[in-house]
Amino acid sequence: MIWLVCYDITHPRRLRRTAKYLEKCGIRVQYSFFQVEMTHGQFERMKKGLLSIIDKKRTSSVFIPFAPIVHKNMR
């Protein structure tokens, strides 16, 4: 499944760590938007790792799944 992962982080160190982490998982679409393609299990592990990096009280993060039909039309 394909996911769009978005975040809003103000702390510079966490911002760098988050970007480096997500660059290993997927493709950077914009500054704080990443497209990742993985199984549900891989996604859950990635999300757990990401949430261990960010400060959940000060950071907004969004995980948006793409339906297969949407992904097909994007190509």
Protein backbone atom coordinates (compact mmCIF):
# COMPACT_ATOMS: atom_id res chain seq x y z
CA MET A 1 0.00 0.00 0.00
CA ILE A 2 1.12 3.56 -0.62
CA TRP A 3 1.03 6.16 2.12
CA LEU A 4 1.60 9.90 2.25
CA VAL A 5 3.41 10.85 5.45
CA CYS A 6 3.33 14.53 6.43
CA TYR A 7 4.66 16.36 9.44
CA ASP A 8 5.13 19.82 10.91
CA ILE A 9 8.19 20.02 13.16
CA THR A 10 9.76 23.20 14.51
CA HIS A 11 12.70 21.71 16.46
CA PRO A 12 15.69 21.65 14.02
CA ARG A 13 17.30 18.46 15.38
CA ARG A 14 14.05 16.48 15.32
CA LEU A 15 13.31 17.86 11.85
CA ARG A 16 16.63 16.53 10.50
CA ARG A 17 16.25 13.16 12.24
CA THR A 18 12.70 12.76 10.94
CA ALA A 19 13.68 13.63 7.37
CA LYS A 20 16.66 11.23 7.41
CA TYR A 21 14.47 8.46 8.81
CA LEU A 22 11.77 8.94 6.17
CA GLU A 23 14.29 9.27 3.32
CA LYS A 24 15.25 5.65 4.10
CA CYS A 25 11.60 4.60 3.87
CA GLY A 26 10.30 6.43 0.83
CA ILE A 27 10.44 9.32 -1.61
CA ARG A 28 10.39 12.96 -0.58
CA VAL A 29 7.53 14.64 -2.43
CA GLN A 30 7.89 18.06 -0.81
CA TYR A 31 9.80 19.48 2.14
CA SER A 32 7.81 17.63 4.82
CA PHE A 33 5.82 15.19 2.67
CA PHE A 34 6.99 11.67 1.91
CA GLN A 35 5.46 8.92 -0.21
CA VAL A 36 6.14 5.44 1.15
CA GLU A 37 5.13 2.11 -0.36
CA MET A 38 5.12 -0.84 2.03
CA THR A 39 3.10 -3.64 3.52
CA HIS A 40 0.87 -3.01 6.52
CA GLY A 41 3.44 -4.61 8.85
CA GLN A 42 6.28 -2.52 7.44
CA PHE A 43 4.14 0.60 7.76
CA GLU A 44 3.37 -0.10 11.42
CA ARG A 45 7.09 -0.57 12.18
CA MET A 46 7.95 2.63 10.27
CA LYS A 47 5.23 4.57 12.09
CA LYS A 48 6.40 3.28 15.49
CA GLY A 49 9.98 4.30 14.68
CA LEU A 50 8.86 7.72 13.47
CA LEU A 51 6.74 8.36 16.55
CA SER A 52 9.76 7.53 18.73
CA ILE A 53 11.68 10.39 17.07
CA ILE A 54 9.09 13.17 17.09
CA ASP A 55 7.65 15.01 20.08
CA LYS A 56 3.99 14.02 19.89
CA LYS A 57 2.93 17.01 22.03
CA ARG A 58 4.55 19.60 19.75
CA THR A 59 4.49 17.90 16.36
CA SER A 60 1.66 17.33 13.94
CA SER A 61 1.94 14.19 11.86
CA VAL A 62 -0.51 12.74 9.35
CA PHE A 63 -0.54 9.35 7.64
CA ILE A 64 -2.78 9.23 4.56
CA PRO A 65 -3.36 5.91 2.74
CA PHE A 66 -3.82 5.93 -1.02
CA ALA A 67 -6.34 3.53 -2.51
CA PRO A 68 -4.92 1.43 -5.37
CA ILE A 69 -7.18 3.19 -7.91
CA VAL A 70 -5.81 6.60 -6.88
CA HIS A 71 -2.24 5.38 -7.19
CA LYS A 72 -2.91 3.94 -10.66
CA ASN A 73 -4.24 7.31 -11.85
CA MET A 74 -1.19 9.15 -10.45
CA ARG A 75 1.28 7.37 -12.76
